[in-house]
Protein backbone atom coordinates (compact mmCIF):
# COMPACT_ATOMS: atom_id res chain seq x y z
CA UNK A 1 150.01 -24.09 78.68
CA UNK A 2 148.65 -21.88 75.89
CA UNK A 3 145.38 -20.20 76.64
CA UNK A 4 142.65 -20.20 74.02
CA UNK A 5 141.81 -16.70 72.64
CA UNK A 6 138.90 -15.09 74.39
CA UNK A 7 135.86 -14.93 72.12
CA UNK A 8 134.72 -11.47 71.03
CA UNK A 9 131.69 -10.10 72.82
CA UNK A 10 128.46 -10.97 71.11
CA UNK A 11 127.59 -7.31 70.62
CA UNK A 12 130.93 -6.37 68.92
CA UNK A 13 129.44 -6.35 65.36
CA UNK A 14 126.70 -4.03 66.58
CA UNK A 15 129.27 -1.66 68.07
CA UNK A 16 131.12 -1.47 64.77
CA UNK A 17 127.85 -0.91 62.93
CA UNK A 18 126.90 1.89 65.33
CA UNK A 19 130.33 3.54 64.96
CA UNK A 20 130.02 3.34 61.17
CA UNK A 21 126.55 4.88 61.29
CA UNK A 22 127.77 7.76 63.46
CA UNK A 23 130.74 8.38 61.17
CA UNK A 24 128.47 8.33 58.12
CA UNK A 25 126.10 10.80 59.77
CA UNK A 26 128.99 13.13 60.58
CA UNK A 27 130.18 13.01 56.95
CA UNK A 28 126.69 13.74 55.67
CA UNK A 29 126.36 16.72 58.00
CA UNK A 30 129.78 18.09 57.01
CA UNK A 31 129.23 17.64 53.28
CA UNK A 32 125.77 19.16 53.43
CA UNK A 33 126.75 22.05 55.73
CA UNK A 34 124.99 25.22 54.52
CA UNK A 35 126.91 28.19 53.14
CA UNK A 36 125.73 30.35 56.03
CA UNK A 37 128.12 28.42 58.29
CA UNK A 38 131.04 29.65 56.20
CA UNK A 39 129.57 33.17 56.22
CA UNK A 40 129.43 33.13 60.02
CA UNK A 41 133.02 31.83 60.29
CA UNK A 42 134.28 34.47 57.83
CA UNK A 43 132.62 37.29 59.74
CA UNK A 44 134.06 36.09 63.05
CA UNK A 45 137.58 35.54 61.69
CA UNK A 46 137.68 39.01 60.08
CA UNK A 47 136.24 40.86 63.05
CA UNK A 48 133.17 41.71 60.98
CA UNK A 49 135.19 43.42 58.24
CA UNK A 50 134.46 40.80 55.53
CA UNK A 51 130.88 39.60 55.18
CA UNK A 52 129.35 36.97 52.91
CA UNK A 53 125.83 38.34 52.58
CA UNK A 54 122.89 36.36 51.20
CA UNK A 55 124.83 33.06 51.19
CA UNK A 56 123.50 30.24 49.03
CA UNK A 57 124.59 26.65 48.49
CA UNK A 58 126.91 24.71 50.77
CA UNK A 59 130.15 25.34 52.62
CA UNK A 60 132.02 23.38 49.95
CA UNK A 61 130.37 25.00 46.92
CA UNK A 62 128.33 28.16 47.26
CA UNK A 63 127.96 31.84 46.50
CA UNK A 64 127.29 35.12 48.29
CA UNK A 65 127.55 38.88 47.99
CA UNK A 66 130.92 40.14 49.24
CA UNK A 67 130.62 43.12 51.60
CA UNK A 68 133.49 45.04 53.21
CA UNK A 69 132.84 46.98 56.43
CA UNK A 70 134.70 49.00 59.02
CA UNK A 71 134.19 46.22 61.58
CA UNK A 72 131.75 45.69 64.40
CA UNK A 73 129.82 48.84 65.26
CA UNK A 74 130.80 50.59 62.01
CA UNK A 75 128.17 52.02 59.65
CA UNK A 76 130.56 51.93 56.69
CA UNK A 77 130.01 49.14 54.19
CA UNK A 78 130.39 48.55 50.45
CA UNK A 79 129.21 45.57 48.43
CA UNK A 80 130.99 44.12 45.41
CA UNK A 81 128.79 44.20 42.28
CA UNK A 82 127.29 40.79 41.53
CA UNK A 83 128.06 37.63 43.48
CA UNK A 84 131.15 35.69 44.48
CA UNK A 85 131.30 31.90 43.96
CA UNK A 86 133.61 29.47 45.74
CA UNK A 87 134.53 25.82 45.75
CA UNK A 88 136.51 24.10 48.51
CA UNK A 89 138.25 20.79 47.75
CA UNK A 90 139.83 19.14 50.81
CA UNK A 91 142.85 16.88 50.37
CA UNK A 92 145.54 15.25 52.47
CA UNK A 93 146.68 18.04 54.80
CA UNK A 94 145.59 20.76 52.38
CA UNK A 95 142.54 22.63 51.11
CA UNK A 96 142.21 23.82 47.50
CA UNK A 97 140.09 26.96 47.16
CA UNK A 98 138.64 28.36 43.92
CA UNK A 99 137.00 31.80 43.97
CA UNK A 100 135.39 33.71 41.12
CA UNK A 101 133.55 37.04 41.08
CA UNK A 102 130.98 38.05 38.48
CA UNK A 103 132.47 41.53 38.20
CA UNK A 104 136.14 41.03 38.69
CA UNK A 105 137.72 37.72 37.64
CA UNK A 106 137.92 36.37 34.07
CA UNK A 107 135.40 33.52 33.47
CA UNK A 108 138.20 31.07 32.65
CA UNK A 109 140.68 32.30 35.28
CA UNK A 110 139.28 32.29 38.83
CA UNK A 111 141.44 32.88 41.87
CA UNK A 112 143.05 29.60 42.95
CA UNK A 113 144.48 29.18 46.44
CA UNK A 114 145.93 26.29 48.39
CA UNK A 115 145.92 26.25 52.18
CA UNK A 116 148.24 23.71 53.80
CA UNK A 117 148.67 22.77 57.44
CA UNK A 118 152.20 22.63 58.87
CA UNK A 119 153.40 21.17 62.15
CA UNK A 120 154.11 24.65 63.51
CA UNK A 121 151.86 26.84 61.36
CA UNK A 122 150.16 27.08 57.98
CA UNK A 123 150.97 27.99 54.38
CA UNK A 124 148.87 29.73 51.74
CA UNK A 125 149.75 29.78 48.03
CA UNK A 126 147.99 31.81 45.34
CA UNK A 127 148.21 30.77 41.69
CA UNK A 128 149.49 33.37 39.22
CA UNK A 129 146.66 35.46 37.85
CA UNK A 130 145.12 38.85 37.12
CA UNK A 131 141.89 40.28 38.52
CA UNK A 132 140.12 43.65 38.39
CA UNK A 133 138.30 45.26 41.33
CA UNK A 134 136.42 48.55 41.84
CA UNK A 135 138.31 51.02 44.02
CA UNK A 136 134.97 52.18 45.47
CA UNK A 137 134.90 48.94 47.50
CA UNK A 138 137.61 50.33 49.78
CA UNK A 139 135.21 52.94 51.20
CA UNK A 140 133.50 50.15 53.10
CA UNK A 141 136.60 49.63 55.26
CA UNK A 142 136.08 52.91 57.09
CA UNK A 143 138.78 55.48 57.89
CA UNK A 144 140.41 56.94 55.84
CA UNK A 145 138.77 55.38 52.76
CA UNK A 146 135.26 56.45 53.76
CA UNK A 147 136.45 60.07 53.69
CA UNK A 148 138.48 59.79 50.48
CA UNK A 149 135.81 57.72 48.68
CA UNK A 150 138.13 56.51 45.92
CA UNK A 151 136.87 55.73 42.43
CA UNK A 152 138.69 53.90 39.67
CA UNK A 153 139.91 50.38 38.90
CA UNK A 154 142.30 48.19 40.88
CA UNK A 155 144.20 45.55 38.90
CA UNK A 156 145.85 42.82 40.98
CA UNK A 157 148.55 40.62 39.43
CA UNK A 158 150.34 37.88 41.39
CA UNK A 159 153.43 35.86 40.57
CA UNK A 160 154.58 32.94 42.72
CA UNK A 161 152.86 34.51 45.72
CA UNK A 162 152.86 32.43 48.89
CA UNK A 163 152.77 33.04 52.63
CA UNK A 164 153.80 30.90 55.59
CA UNK A 165 153.09 31.38 59.27
CA UNK A 166 155.64 29.62 61.42
CA UNK A 167 155.85 30.13 65.17
CA UNK A 168 153.80 33.31 64.78
CA UNK A 169 156.10 34.80 62.12
CA UNK A 170 155.09 35.69 58.56
CA UNK A 171 157.26 34.58 55.64
CA UNK A 172 156.39 35.70 52.11
CA UNK A 173 157.56 34.48 48.70
CA UNK A 174 156.83 35.79 45.21
CA UNK A 175 155.27 39.14 44.40
CA UNK A 176 151.98 40.97 43.98
CA UNK A 177 151.41 44.13 41.96
CA UNK A 178 148.37 46.34 42.55
CA UNK A 179 147.80 48.93 39.83
CA UNK A 180 145.26 51.66 40.57
CA UNK A 181 144.16 53.27 37.32
CA UNK A 182 142.38 56.57 36.80
CA UNK A 183 141.78 57.21 40.50
CA UNK A 184 139.59 60.06 41.69
CA UNK A 185 138.19 61.21 45.03
CA UNK A 186 135.24 63.26 46.23
CA UNK A 187 137.77 65.51 48.01
CA UNK A 188 139.14 66.85 44.73
CA UNK A 189 137.63 68.33 41.58
CA UNK A 190 140.48 66.82 39.55
CA UNK A 191 139.13 63.73 37.74
CA UNK A 192 141.06 61.58 37.41
CA UNK A 193 143.96 62.41 39.72
CA UNK A 194 146.29 59.77 38.30
CA UNK A 195 147.34 56.12 38.17
CA UNK A 196 149.55 54.41 40.75
CA UNK A 197 151.28 51.14 41.50
CA UNK A 198 151.99 49.24 44.71
CA UNK A 199 154.44 46.32 44.53
CA UNK A 200 154.74 43.73 47.30
CA UNK A 201 157.97 41.73 47.06
CA UNK A 202 158.63 38.66 49.18
CA UNK A 203 161.95 37.30 50.37
CA UNK A 204 164.13 37.60 53.45
CA UNK A 205 163.12 41.28 53.70
CA UNK A 206 159.49 41.71 52.67
CA UNK A 207 159.21 45.08 50.93
CA UNK A 208 156.51 47.39 49.60
CA UNK A 209 157.00 50.24 47.11
CA UNK A 210 154.52 52.90 46.00
CA UNK A 211 155.02 54.85 42.77
CA UNK A 212 153.11 57.15 40.43
CA UNK A 213 152.56 55.96 36.86
CA UNK A 214 151.04 59.25 35.75
CA UNK A 215 148.92 61.96 37.29
CA UNK A 216 148.54 65.32 38.95
CA UNK A 217 148.73 63.85 42.45
CA UNK A 218 152.23 62.45 42.97
CA UNK A 219 152.59 59.51 45.38
CA UNK A 220 155.81 57.71 46.34
CA UNK A 221 157.18 55.67 49.21
CA UNK A 222 158.54 52.37 50.44
CA UNK A 223 158.37 50.13 53.46
CA UNK A 224 159.10 46.70 54.85
CA UNK A 225 157.68 44.22 57.32
CA UNK A 226 159.05 43.97 60.84
CA UNK A 227 157.54 40.81 62.32
CA UNK A 228 153.88 41.07 61.37
CA UNK A 229 153.82 44.89 61.14
CA UNK A 230 154.41 46.99 58.03
CA UNK A 231 156.50 50.13 58.48
CA UNK A 232 156.03 52.59 55.62
CA UNK A 233 157.37 56.05 54.78
CA UNK A 234 156.35 58.12 51.77
CA UNK A 235 154.94 61.37 50.55
CA UNK A 236 152.12 62.86 48.50
CA UNK A 237 152.38 66.14 46.64
CA UNK A 238 150.42 68.04 44.01
CA UNK A 239 151.80 68.84 40.59
CA UNK A 240 152.84 72.50 40.17
CA UNK A 241 149.88 74.87 40.11
CA UNK A 242 147.40 72.31 41.46
CA UNK A 243 147.96 72.61 45.20
CA UNK A 244 144.60 74.32 45.82
CA UNK A 245 142.60 71.59 44.03
CA UNK A 246 144.31 68.85 46.05
CA UNK A 247 144.69 70.59 49.43
CA UNK A 248 141.77 68.79 51.14
CA UNK A 249 143.01 65.39 50.02
CA UNK A 250 146.59 66.09 51.08
CA UNK A 251 145.36 67.08 54.55
CA UNK A 252 143.68 63.67 54.90
CA UNK A 253 146.56 61.62 53.50
CA UNK A 254 149.17 62.70 56.05
CA UNK A 255 150.96 65.35 58.06
CA UNK A 256 151.54 68.47 56.01
CA UNK A 257 155.03 69.85 55.40
CA UNK A 258 154.71 72.75 53.02
CA UNK A 259 153.22 71.58 49.71
CA UNK A 260 153.50 67.89 50.53
CA UNK A 261 151.89 65.37 52.91
CA UNK A 262 154.03 62.84 54.78
CA UNK A 263 152.77 59.26 54.57
CA UNK A 264 153.88 57.29 57.63
CA UNK A 265 152.55 54.31 59.53
CA UNK A 266 153.72 51.22 61.35
């Protein structure tokens, strides 16, 4: 004999209404989350090295002053001129991020990133673009930049740049070129010392090359990633007749061997 379906409890509509109200409240809270929440998360994730000071707006669309520091307990810090604006646009399994800086990105060409979740990691893609940043910002990161106190302009160009983290391993595609123009340092009376270029090339063997475009301080070197660590070997040397003017800087850059300094890390 077929049993008649059991009637729904009388309070079932109220339960659905309550669940809908809770969900709506959660959405309102998330959408209206203040920018200071993102500032706190950024500081924690970076170990205090990247700060969003004086945040305004919301998590999804806000602005702040970008400050670089040497980390927790460090007295070194440098603020980017002007403010940085961002917009986060969540999608299905991905987050589109747009970032612009008053000082450093063209008004019609902000930085555009896409963060995607993967079953065993995450992927980050950066749209092709060109931005310009003050080298003096690096002093905020502490040693050795706080001693060198670089001045000049850093131009960053990216092409097809993307990174994936799978099972704790970094995979990189595309390339990024950082051009440092007219660099100078408080450790040398030579102003400027020169212009330099660092190229990051993705692929099966992620490589980095350092070269001198022009200048009285000669820099060169290359390296590659082993797991998540960069191993780099290079050298710095002064142009003939300028060793005395660059001696202090060479002593900071690396281990001295005659008239050159050995650049090595990783």
